[in-house]
Amino acid sequence: MRDTKTISWIFLAVANASEEAPADYKCLIEAADAINHAIPTNRELQDSIDWLLRNDLILIEESKYALSKTGSRLLLYSKGKTKTFRETLDKLNVKLQTDYD
């Protein structure tokens, strides 16, 4: 079973880190820490990235990561009508549990 809470966390880290340009691994870790006040383990990060790539939610370009078009739509959906960042994270988590492998 996949850990959708961790995947949601890493997805938002990719979204935040790559707002202006694709982000490298170090930027993803920094963004994840800023979101959750914790540093993901290498396994959490790599498993989440692999899952997000398989599901076409992120892209990798020259060892840097960004949201795909599908990922951008998911982010907009997750942010819709939420008042806090935590609500966005929770909405994203539910969507990943119900709509993805």
PDB file of N, CA and C in Angstrom:
ATOM      1  N   MET A   1       0.844  -1.188   0.000  1.00  0.00           N
ATOM      2  CA  MET A   1       0.000   0.000   0.000  1.00  0.00           C
ATOM      3  C   MET A   1       0.885   1.246   0.000  1.00  0.00           C
ATOM      4  N   ARG A   2       0.516   2.231  -0.768  1.00  0.00           N
ATOM      5  CA  ARG A   2       1.304   3.453  -0.861  1.00  0.00           C
ATOM      6  C   ARG A   2       0.948   4.412   0.271  1.00  0.00           C
ATOM      7  N   ASP A   3       1.867   5.259   0.610  1.00  0.00           N
ATOM      8  CA  ASP A   3       1.681   6.252   1.666  1.00  0.00           C
ATOM      9  C   ASP A   3       1.289   7.581   1.010  1.00  0.00           C
ATOM     10  N   THR A   4      -0.013   7.787   0.858  1.00  0.00           N
ATOM     11  CA  THR A   4      -0.472   8.985   0.143  1.00  0.00           C
ATOM     12  C   THR A   4      -0.176  10.271   0.908  1.00  0.00           C
ATOM     13  N   LYS A   5      -0.063  10.195   2.212  1.00  0.00           N
ATOM     14  CA  LYS A   5       0.301  11.405   2.964  1.00  0.00           C
ATOM     15  C   LYS A   5       1.713  11.864   2.597  1.00  0.00           C
ATOM     16  N   THR A   6       2.628  10.925   2.516  1.00  0.00           N
ATOM     17  CA  THR A   6       4.000  11.272   2.142  1.00  0.00           C
ATOM     18  C   THR A   6       4.050  11.722   0.681  1.00  0.00           C
ATOM     19  N   ILE A   7       3.346  11.024  -0.191  1.00  0.00           N
ATOM     20  CA  ILE A   7       3.329  11.407  -1.599  1.00  0.00           C
ATOM     21  C   ILE A   7       2.744  12.809  -1.755  1.00  0.00           C
ATOM     22  N   SER A   8       1.688  13.118  -1.038  1.00  0.00           N
ATOM     23  CA  SER A   8       1.080  14.464  -1.085  1.00  0.00           C
ATOM     24  C   SER A   8       2.084  15.512  -0.638  1.00  0.00           C
ATOM     25  N   TRP A   9       2.784  15.220   0.423  1.00  0.00           N
ATOM     26  CA  TRP A   9       3.802  16.128   0.963  1.00  0.00           C
ATOM     27  C   TRP A   9       4.888  16.400  -0.077  1.00  0.00           C
ATOM     28  N   ILE A  10       5.381  15.348  -0.701  1.00  0.00           N
ATOM     29  CA  ILE A  10       6.449  15.513  -1.694  1.00  0.00           C
ATOM     30  C   ILE A  10       5.911  16.187  -2.954  1.00  0.00           C
ATOM     31  N   PHE A  11       4.689  15.881  -3.343  1.00  0.00           N
ATOM     32  CA  PHE A  11       4.081  16.562  -4.487  1.00  0.00           C
ATOM     33  C   PHE A  11       4.033  18.070  -4.243  1.00  0.00           C
ATOM     34  N   LEU A  12       3.585  18.481  -3.072  1.00  0.00           N
ATOM     35  CA  LEU A  12       3.542  19.915  -2.766  1.00  0.00           C
ATOM     36  C   LEU A  12       4.943  20.510  -2.675  1.00  0.00           C
ATOM     37  N   ALA A  13       5.904  19.724  -2.228  1.00  0.00           N
ATOM     38  CA  ALA A  13       7.293  20.206  -2.215  1.00  0.00           C
ATOM     39  C   ALA A  13       7.774  20.472  -3.641  1.00  0.00           C
ATOM     40  N   VAL A  14       7.461  19.569  -4.557  1.00  0.00           N
ATOM     41  CA  VAL A  14       7.827  19.788  -5.957  1.00  0.00           C
ATOM     42  C   VAL A  14       7.124  21.040  -6.485  1.00  0.00           C
ATOM     43  N   ALA A  15       5.846  21.165  -6.189  1.00  0.00           N
ATOM     44  CA  ALA A  15       5.085  22.328  -6.659  1.00  0.00           C
ATOM     45  C   ALA A  15       5.699  23.628  -6.142  1.00  0.00           C
ATOM     46  N   ASN A  16       6.002  23.672  -4.861  1.00  0.00           N
ATOM     47  CA  ASN A  16       6.551  24.899  -4.274  1.00  0.00           C
ATOM     48  C   ASN A  16       7.968  25.182  -4.770  1.00  0.00           C
ATOM     49  N   ALA A  17       8.784  24.151  -4.832  1.00  0.00           N
ATOM     50  CA  ALA A  17      10.185  24.342  -5.220  1.00  0.00           C
ATOM     51  C   ALA A  17      10.337  24.712  -6.691  1.00  0.00           C
ATOM     52  N   SER A  18       9.385  24.309  -7.514  1.00  0.00           N
ATOM     53  CA  SER A  18       9.521  24.524  -8.959  1.00  0.00           C
ATOM     54  C   SER A  18       8.593  25.611  -9.500  1.00  0.00           C
ATOM     55  N   GLU A  19       8.155  26.505  -8.638  1.00  0.00           N
ATOM     56  CA  GLU A  19       7.247  27.556  -9.102  1.00  0.00           C
ATOM     57  C   GLU A  19       7.843  28.389 -10.233  1.00  0.00           C
ATOM     58  N   GLU A  20       9.125  28.684 -10.150  1.00  0.00           N
ATOM     59  CA  GLU A  20       9.763  29.536 -11.166  1.00  0.00           C
ATOM     60  C   GLU A  20      10.581  28.754 -12.184  1.00  0.00           C
ATOM     61  N   ALA A  21      11.115  27.632 -11.767  1.00  0.00           N
ATOM     62  CA  ALA A  21      11.941  26.801 -12.656  1.00  0.00           C
ATOM     63  C   ALA A  21      12.042  25.410 -12.042  1.00  0.00           C
ATOM     64  N   PRO A  22      12.299  24.381 -12.861  1.00  0.00           N
ATOM     65  CA  PRO A  22      12.469  23.045 -12.297  1.00  0.00           C
ATOM     66  C   PRO A  22      13.492  23.054 -11.148  1.00  0.00           C
ATOM     67  N   ALA A  23      13.228  22.223 -10.153  1.00  0.00           N
ATOM     68  CA  ALA A  23      14.021  22.228  -8.921  1.00  0.00           C
ATOM     69  C   ALA A  23      14.835  20.948  -8.777  1.00  0.00           C
ATOM     70  N   ASP A  24      16.031  21.096  -8.221  1.00  0.00           N
ATOM     71  CA  ASP A  24      16.874  19.935  -7.984  1.00  0.00           C
ATOM     72  C   ASP A  24      16.484  19.258  -6.664  1.00  0.00           C
ATOM     73  N   TYR A  25      17.126  18.135  -6.407  1.00  0.00           N
ATOM     74  CA  TYR A  25      16.840  17.315  -5.226  1.00  0.00           C
ATOM     75  C   TYR A  25      16.975  18.117  -3.936  1.00  0.00           C
ATOM     76  N   LYS A  26      18.024  18.927  -3.840  1.00  0.00           N
ATOM     77  CA  LYS A  26      18.264  19.733  -2.636  1.00  0.00           C
ATOM     78  C   LYS A  26      17.107  20.708  -2.405  1.00  0.00           C
ATOM     79  N   CYS A  27      16.626  21.337  -3.451  1.00  0.00           N
ATOM     80  CA  CYS A  27      15.494  22.268  -3.324  1.00  0.00           C
ATOM     81  C   CYS A  27      14.225  21.543  -2.892  1.00  0.00           C
ATOM     82  N   LEU A  28      14.042  20.318  -3.378  1.00  0.00           N
ATOM     83  CA  LEU A  28      12.873  19.540  -2.965  1.00  0.00           C
ATOM     84  C   LEU A  28      12.918  19.248  -1.471  1.00  0.00           C
ATOM     85  N   ILE A  29      14.089  18.882  -0.980  1.00  0.00           N
ATOM     86  CA  ILE A  29      14.246  18.600   0.449  1.00  0.00           C
ATOM     87  C   ILE A  29      13.961  19.853   1.268  1.00  0.00           C
ATOM     88  N   GLU A  30      14.477  20.992   0.837  1.00  0.00           N
ATOM     89  CA  GLU A  30      14.231  22.251   1.543  1.00  0.00           C
ATOM     90  C   GLU A  30      12.753  22.608   1.536  1.00  0.00           C
ATOM     91  N   ALA A  31      12.090  22.426   0.409  1.00  0.00           N
ATOM     92  CA  ALA A  31      10.660  22.723   0.320  1.00  0.00           C
ATOM     93  C   ALA A  31       9.850  21.777   1.200  1.00  0.00           C
ATOM     94  N   ALA A  32      10.220  20.502   1.210  1.00  0.00           N
ATOM     95  CA  ALA A  32       9.533  19.523   2.054  1.00  0.00           C
ATOM     96  C   ALA A  32       9.686  19.888   3.533  1.00  0.00           C
ATOM     97  N   ASP A  33      10.870  20.307   3.916  1.00  0.00           N
ATOM     98  CA  ASP A  33      11.122  20.729   5.295  1.00  0.00           C
ATOM     99  C   ASP A  33      10.276  21.950   5.649  1.00  0.00           C
ATOM    100  N   ALA A  34      10.160  22.883   4.738  1.00  0.00           N
ATOM    101  CA  ALA A  34       9.365  24.091   4.984  1.00  0.00           C
ATOM    102  C   ALA A  34       7.882  23.753   5.148  1.00  0.00           C
ATOM    103  N   ILE A  35       7.413  22.766   4.428  1.00  0.00           N
ATOM    104  CA  ILE A  35       6.003  22.368   4.501  1.00  0.00           C
ATOM    105  C   ILE A  35       5.697  21.635   5.795  1.00  0.00           C
ATOM    106  N   ASN A  36       6.507  20.658   6.131  1.00  0.00           N
ATOM    107  CA  ASN A  36       6.185  19.710   7.201  1.00  0.00           C
ATOM    108  C   ASN A  36       7.100  19.823   8.415  1.00  0.00           C
ATOM    109  N   HIS A  37       8.032  20.759   8.371  1.00  0.00           N
ATOM    110  CA  HIS A  37       9.011  20.917   9.455  1.00  0.00           C
ATOM    111  C   HIS A  37       9.708  19.590   9.764  1.00  0.00           C
ATOM    112  N   ALA A  38      10.011  18.880   8.672  1.00  0.00           N
ATOM    113  CA  ALA A  38      10.717  17.602   8.764  1.00  0.00           C
ATOM    114  C   ALA A  38      11.410  17.367   7.427  1.00  0.00           C
ATOM    115  N   ILE A  39      12.499  16.664   7.472  1.00  0.00           N
ATOM    116  CA  ILE A  39      13.227  16.325   6.259  1.00  0.00           C
ATOM    117  C   ILE A  39      12.844  14.901   5.869  1.00  0.00           C
ATOM    118  N   PRO A  40      12.389  14.716   4.630  1.00  0.00           N
ATOM    119  CA  PRO A  40      12.028  13.355   4.221  1.00  0.00           C
ATOM    120  C   PRO A  40      13.271  12.471   4.140  1.00  0.00           C
ATOM    121  N   THR A  41      13.076  11.204   4.416  1.00  0.00           N
ATOM    122  CA  THR A  41      14.173  10.257   4.231  1.00  0.00           C
ATOM    123  C   THR A  41      14.416  10.090   2.737  1.00  0.00           C
ATOM    124  N   ASN A  42      15.573   9.569   2.393  1.00  0.00           N
ATOM    125  CA  ASN A  42      15.844   9.314   0.975  1.00  0.00           C
ATOM    126  C   ASN A  42      14.808   8.362   0.397  1.00  0.00           C
ATOM    127  N   ARG A  43      14.414   7.375   1.163  1.00  0.00           N
ATOM    128  CA  ARG A  43      13.407   6.412   0.679  1.00  0.00           C
ATOM    129  C   ARG A  43      12.059   7.087   0.463  1.00  0.00           C
ATOM    130  N   GLU A  44      11.611   7.918   1.425  1.00  0.00           N
ATOM    131  CA  GLU A  44      10.339   8.632   1.261  1.00  0.00           C
ATOM    132  C   GLU A  44      10.368   9.501   0.005  1.00  0.00           C
ATOM    133  N   LEU A  45      11.457  10.208  -0.162  1.00  0.00           N
ATOM    134  CA  LEU A  45      11.585  11.104  -1.301  1.00  0.00           C
ATOM    135  C   LEU A  45      11.624  10.322  -2.613  1.00  0.00           C
ATOM    136  N   GLN A  46      12.462   9.310  -2.686  1.00  0.00           N
ATOM    137  CA  GLN A  46      12.592   8.563  -3.935  1.00  0.00           C
ATOM    138  C   GLN A  46      11.335   7.769  -4.263  1.00  0.00           C
ATOM    139  N   ASP A  47      10.724   7.111  -3.276  1.00  0.00           N
ATOM    140  CA  ASP A  47       9.491   6.357  -3.525  1.00  0.00           C
ATOM    141  C   ASP A  47       8.379   7.291  -4.014  1.00  0.00           C
ATOM    142  N   SER A  48       8.274   8.461  -3.398  1.00  0.00           N
ATOM    143  CA  SER A  48       7.245   9.427  -3.795  1.00  0.00           C
ATOM    144  C   SER A  48       7.505   9.963  -5.189  1.00  0.00           C
ATOM    145  N   ILE A  49       8.748  10.320  -5.481  1.00  0.00           N
ATOM    146  CA  ILE A  49       9.097  10.818  -6.810  1.00  0.00           C
ATOM    147  C   ILE A  49       8.802   9.753  -7.863  1.00  0.00           C
ATOM    148  N   ASP A  50       9.189   8.516  -7.592  1.00  0.00           N
ATOM    149  CA  ASP A  50       8.924   7.434  -8.540  1.00  0.00           C
ATOM    150  C   ASP A  50       7.427   7.290  -8.796  1.00  0.00           C
ATOM    151  N   TRP A  51       6.627   7.323  -7.745  1.00  0.00           N
ATOM    152  CA  TRP A  51       5.177   7.188  -7.881  1.00  0.00           C
ATOM    153  C   TRP A  51       4.596   8.367  -8.662  1.00  0.00           C
ATOM    154  N   LEU A  52       5.043   9.575  -8.341  1.00  0.00           N
ATOM    155  CA  LEU A  52       4.550  10.774  -9.032  1.00  0.00           C
ATOM    156  C   LEU A  52       4.937  10.758 -10.512  1.00  0.00           C
ATOM    157  N   LEU A  53       6.131  10.285 -10.829  1.00  0.00           N
ATOM    158  CA  LEU A  53       6.540  10.161 -12.231  1.00  0.00           C
ATOM    159  C   LEU A  53       5.685   9.121 -12.960  1.00  0.00           C
ATOM    160  N   ARG A  54       5.475   7.966 -12.344  1.00  0.00           N
ATOM    161  CA  ARG A  54       4.662   6.905 -12.959  1.00  0.00           C
ATOM    162  C   ARG A  54       3.237   7.367 -13.238  1.00  0.00           C
ATOM    163  N   ASN A  55       2.737   8.244 -12.408  1.00  0.00           N
ATOM    164  CA  ASN A  55       1.362   8.722 -12.554  1.00  0.00           C
ATOM    165  C   ASN A  55       1.272  10.054 -13.285  1.00  0.00           C
ATOM    166  N   ASP A  56       2.351  10.446 -13.931  1.00  0.00           N
ATOM    167  CA  ASP A  56       2.395  11.649 -14.767  1.00  0.00           C
ATOM    168  C   ASP A  56       1.990  12.921 -14.016  1.00  0.00           C
ATOM    169  N   LEU A  57       2.380  13.009 -12.759  1.00  0.00           N
ATOM    170  CA  LEU A  57       2.072  14.213 -11.981  1.00  0.00           C
ATOM    171  C   LEU A  57       3.261  15.156 -11.900  1.00  0.00           C
ATOM    172  N   ILE A  58       4.459  14.627 -12.139  1.00  0.00           N
ATOM    173  CA  ILE A  58       5.661  15.461 -12.203  1.00  0.00           C
ATOM    174  C   ILE A  58       6.491  15.034 -13.408  1.00  0.00           C
ATOM    175  N   LEU A  59       7.422  15.906 -13.769  1.00  0.00           N
ATOM    176  CA  LEU A  59       8.361  15.649 -14.855  1.00  0.00           C
ATOM    177  C   LEU A  59       9.775  15.756 -14.311  1.00  0.00           C
ATOM    178  N   ILE A  60      10.690  15.101 -14.973  1.00  0.00           N
ATOM    179  CA  ILE A  60      12.099  15.262 -14.640  1.00  0.00           C
ATOM    180  C   ILE A  60      12.815  15.755 -15.892  1.00  0.00           C
ATOM    181  N   GLU A  61      13.578  16.815 -15.731  1.00  0.00           N
ATOM    182  CA  GLU A  61      14.337  17.405 -16.830  1.00  0.00           C
ATOM    183  C   GLU A  61      15.738  17.692 -16.326  1.00  0.00           C
ATOM    184  N   GLU A  62      16.728  16.983 -16.878  1.00  0.00           N
ATOM    185  CA  GLU A  62      18.116  17.193 -16.488  1.00  0.00           C
ATOM    186  C   GLU A  62      18.309  17.152 -14.967  1.00  0.00           C
ATOM    187  N   SER A  63      17.779  16.132 -14.342  1.00  0.00           N
ATOM    188  CA  SER A  63      17.878  15.919 -12.891  1.00  0.00           C
ATOM    189  C   SER A  63      17.175  16.988 -12.070  1.00  0.00           C
ATOM    190  N   LYS A  64      16.194  17.658 -12.671  1.00  0.00           N
ATOM    191  CA  LYS A  64      15.388  18.653 -11.956  1.00  0.00           C
ATOM    192  C   LYS A  64      13.921  18.306 -12.158  1.00  0.00           C
ATOM    193  N   TYR A  65      13.103  18.691 -11.184  1.00  0.00           N
ATOM    194  CA  TYR A  65      11.710  18.266 -11.147  1.00  0.00           C
ATOM    195  C   TYR A  65      10.761  19.452 -11.235  1.00  0.00           C
ATOM    196  N   ALA A  66       9.605  19.191 -11.867  1.00  0.00           N
ATOM    197  CA  ALA A  66       8.544  20.190 -11.984  1.00  0.00           C
ATOM    198  C   ALA A  66       7.220  19.455 -12.130  1.00  0.00           C
ATOM    199  N   LEU A  67       6.130  20.170 -11.942  1.00  0.00           N
ATOM    200  CA  LEU A  67       4.821  19.569 -12.154  1.00  0.00           C
ATOM    201  C   LEU A  67       4.572  19.378 -13.639  1.00  0.00           C
ATOM    202  N   SER A  68       3.895  18.311 -13.964  1.00  0.00           N
ATOM    203  CA  SER A  68       3.430  18.096 -15.330  1.00  0.00           C
ATOM    204  C   SER A  68       2.126  18.879 -15.506  1.00  0.00           C
ATOM    205  N   LYS A  69       1.560  18.852 -16.687  1.00  0.00           N
ATOM    206  CA  LYS A  69       0.252  19.503 -16.897  1.00  0.00           C
ATOM    207  C   LYS A  69      -0.802  18.860 -16.012  1.00  0.00           C
ATOM    208  N   THR A  70      -0.763  17.536 -15.918  1.00  0.00           N
ATOM    209  CA  THR A  70      -1.712  16.824 -15.056  1.00  0.00           C
ATOM    210  C   THR A  70      -1.495  17.220 -13.594  1.00  0.00           C
ATOM    211  N   GLY A  71      -0.246  17.310 -13.186  1.00  0.00           N
ATOM    212  CA  GLY A  71       0.073  17.724 -11.821  1.00  0.00           C
ATOM    213  C   GLY A  71      -0.373  19.143 -11.535  1.00  0.00           C
ATOM    214  N   SER A  72      -0.227  20.028 -12.495  1.00  0.00           N
ATOM    215  CA  SER A  72      -0.670  21.416 -12.321  1.00  0.00           C
ATOM    216  C   SER A  72      -2.182  21.483 -12.135  1.00  0.00           C
ATOM    217  N   ARG A  73      -2.908  20.670 -12.904  1.00  0.00           N
ATOM    218  CA  ARG A  73      -4.373  20.628 -12.733  1.00  0.00           C
ATOM    219  C   ARG A  73      -4.747  20.077 -11.355  1.00  0.00           C
ATOM    220  N   LEU A  74      -4.026  19.063 -10.913  1.00  0.00           N
ATOM    221  CA  LEU A  74      -4.287  18.493  -9.592  1.00  0.00           C
ATOM    222  C   LEU A  74      -4.016  19.522  -8.500  1.00  0.00           C
ATOM    223  N   LEU A  75      -2.956  20.292  -8.647  1.00  0.00           N
ATOM    224  CA  LEU A  75      -2.644  21.326  -7.665  1.00  0.00           C
ATOM    225  C   LEU A  75      -3.755  22.372  -7.618  1.00  0.00           C
ATOM    226  N   LEU A  76      -4.227  22.816  -8.772  1.00  0.00           N
ATOM    227  CA  LEU A  76      -5.317  23.800  -8.809  1.00  0.00           C
ATOM    228  C   LEU A  76      -6.574  23.243  -8.154  1.00  0.00           C
ATOM    229  N   TYR A  77      -6.903  21.991  -8.442  1.00  0.00           N
ATOM    230  CA  TYR A  77      -8.053  21.348  -7.805  1.00  0.00           C
ATOM    231  C   TYR A  77      -7.875  21.309  -6.288  1.00  0.00           C
ATOM    232  N   SER A  78      -6.698  20.935  -5.836  1.00  0.00           N
ATOM    233  CA  SER A  78      -6.437  20.786  -4.402  1.00  0.00           C
ATOM    234  C   SER A  78      -6.488  22.117  -3.666  1.00  0.00           C
ATOM    235  N   LYS A  79      -6.095  23.176  -4.336  1.00  0.00           N
ATOM    236  CA  LYS A  79      -6.124  24.502  -3.714  1.00  0.00           C
ATOM    237  C   LYS A  79      -7.516  25.120  -3.737  1.00  0.00           C
ATOM    238  N   GLY A  80      -8.363  24.650  -4.639  1.00  0.00           N
ATOM    239  CA  GLY A  80      -9.693  25.233  -4.814  1.00  0.00           C
ATOM    240  C   GLY A  80     -10.521  25.214  -3.544  1.00  0.00           C
ATOM    241  N   LYS A  81     -11.019  26.364  -3.174  1.00  0.00           N
ATOM    242  CA  LYS A  81     -11.926  26.546  -2.030  1.00  0.00           C
ATOM    243  C   LYS A  81     -11.344  26.085  -0.697  1.00  0.00           C
ATOM    244  N   THR A  82     -10.043  26.023  -0.579  1.00  0.00           N
ATOM    245  CA  THR A  82      -9.433  25.721   0.714  1.00  0.00           C
ATOM    246  C   THR A  82      -8.936  27.021   1.314  1.00  0.00           C
ATOM    247  N   LYS A  83      -8.923  27.065   2.624  1.00  0.00           N
ATOM    248  CA  LYS A  83      -8.527  28.282   3.332  1.00  0.00           C
ATOM    249  C   LYS A  83      -7.129  28.205   3.911  1.00  0.00           C
ATOM    250  N   THR A  84      -6.640  26.998   4.094  1.00  0.00           N
ATOM    251  CA  THR A  84      -5.315  26.838   4.686  1.00  0.00           C
ATOM    252  C   THR A  84      -4.492  25.851   3.869  1.00  0.00           C
ATOM    253  N   PHE A  85      -3.202  25.921   4.087  1.00  0.00           N
ATOM    254  CA  PHE A  85      -2.290  24.997   3.424  1.00  0.00           C
ATOM    255  C   PHE A  85      -2.584  23.566   3.850  1.00  0.00           C
ATOM    256  N   ARG A  86      -2.906  23.366   5.107  1.00  0.00           N
ATOM    257  CA  ARG A  86      -3.203  22.018   5.617  1.00  0.00           C
ATOM    258  C   ARG A  86      -4.442  21.446   4.923  1.00  0.00           C
ATOM    259  N   GLU A  87      -5.452  22.284   4.667  1.00  0.00           N
ATOM    260  CA  GLU A  87      -6.638  21.818   3.949  1.00  0.00           C
ATOM    261  C   GLU A  87      -6.276  21.387   2.525  1.00  0.00           C
ATOM    262  N   THR A  88      -5.389  22.129   1.895  1.00  0.00           N
ATOM    263  CA  THR A  88      -4.927  21.773   0.555  1.00  0.00           C
ATOM    264  C   THR A  88      -4.236  20.414   0.589  1.00  0.00           C
ATOM    265  N   LEU A  89      -3.375  20.210   1.557  1.00  0.00           N
ATOM    266  CA  LEU A  89      -2.669  18.941   1.704  1.00  0.00           C
ATOM    267  C   LEU A  89      -3.650  17.792   1.948  1.00  0.00           C
ATOM    268  N   ASP A  90      -4.640  18.021   2.799  1.00  0.00           N
ATOM    269  CA  ASP A  90      -5.642  16.985   3.082  1.00  0.00           C
ATOM    270  C   ASP A  90      -6.477  16.653   1.844  1.00  0.00           C
ATOM    271  N   LYS A  91      -6.877  17.685   1.098  1.00  0.00           N
ATOM    272  CA  LYS A  91      -7.669  17.469  -0.119  1.00  0.00           C
ATOM    273  C   LYS A  91      -6.851  16.698  -1.157  1.00  0.00           C
ATOM    274  N   LEU A  92      -5.599  17.030  -1.281  1.00  0.00           N
ATOM    275  CA  LEU A  92      -4.705  16.331  -2.194  1.00  0.00           C
ATOM    276  C   LEU A  92      -4.561  14.864  -1.778  1.00  0.00           C
ATOM    277  N   ASN A  93      -4.385  14.623  -0.506  1.00  0.00           N
ATOM    278  CA  ASN A  93      -4.247  13.262  -0.001  1.00  0.00           C
ATOM    279  C   ASN A  93      -5.471  12.421  -0.347  1.00  0.00           C
ATOM    280  N   VAL A  94      -6.658  12.957  -0.149  1.00  0.00           N
ATOM    281  CA  VAL A  94      -7.887  12.231  -0.469  1.00  0.00           C
ATOM    282  C   VAL A  94      -7.957  11.926  -1.974  1.00  0.00           C
ATOM    283  N   LYS A  95      -7.611  12.900  -2.789  1.00  0.00           N
ATOM    284  CA  LYS A  95      -7.639  12.720  -4.241  1.00  0.00           C
ATOM    285  C   LYS A  95      -6.670  11.615  -4.672  1.00  0.00           C
ATOM    286  N   LEU A  96      -5.487  11.591  -4.099  1.00  0.00           N
ATOM    287  CA  LEU A  96      -4.522  10.542  -4.442  1.00  0.00           C
ATOM    288  C   LEU A  96      -5.008   9.165  -4.001  1.00  0.00           C
ATOM    289  N   GLN A  97      -5.709   9.099  -2.876  1.00  0.00           N
ATOM    290  CA  GLN A  97      -6.240   7.820  -2.395  1.00  0.00           C
ATOM    291  C   GLN A  97      -7.341   7.295  -3.296  1.00  0.00           C
ATOM    292  N   THR A  98      -8.160   8.185  -3.830  1.00  0.00           N
ATOM    293  CA  THR A  98      -9.347   7.738  -4.560  1.00  0.00           C
ATOM    294  C   THR A  98      -9.174   7.646  -6.074  1.00  0.00           C
ATOM    295  N   ASP A  99      -8.313   8.475  -6.638  1.00  0.00           N
ATOM    296  CA  ASP A  99      -8.257   8.573  -8.107  1.00  0.00           C
ATOM    297  C   ASP A  99      -7.005   8.004  -8.758  1.00  0.00           C
ATOM    298  N   TYR A 100      -6.047   7.574  -7.979  1.00  0.00           N
ATOM    299  CA  TYR A 100      -4.804   7.094  -8.562  1.00  0.00           C
ATOM    300  C   TYR A 100      -4.491   5.693  -8.068  1.00  0.00           C
ATOM    301  N   ASP A 101      -3.670   4.983  -8.889  1.00  0.00           N
ATOM    302  CA  ASP A 101      -3.371   3.574  -8.601  1.00  0.00           C
ATOM    303  C   ASP A 101      -2.978   3.422  -7.188  1.00  0.00           C
TER     304      ASP A 101
END
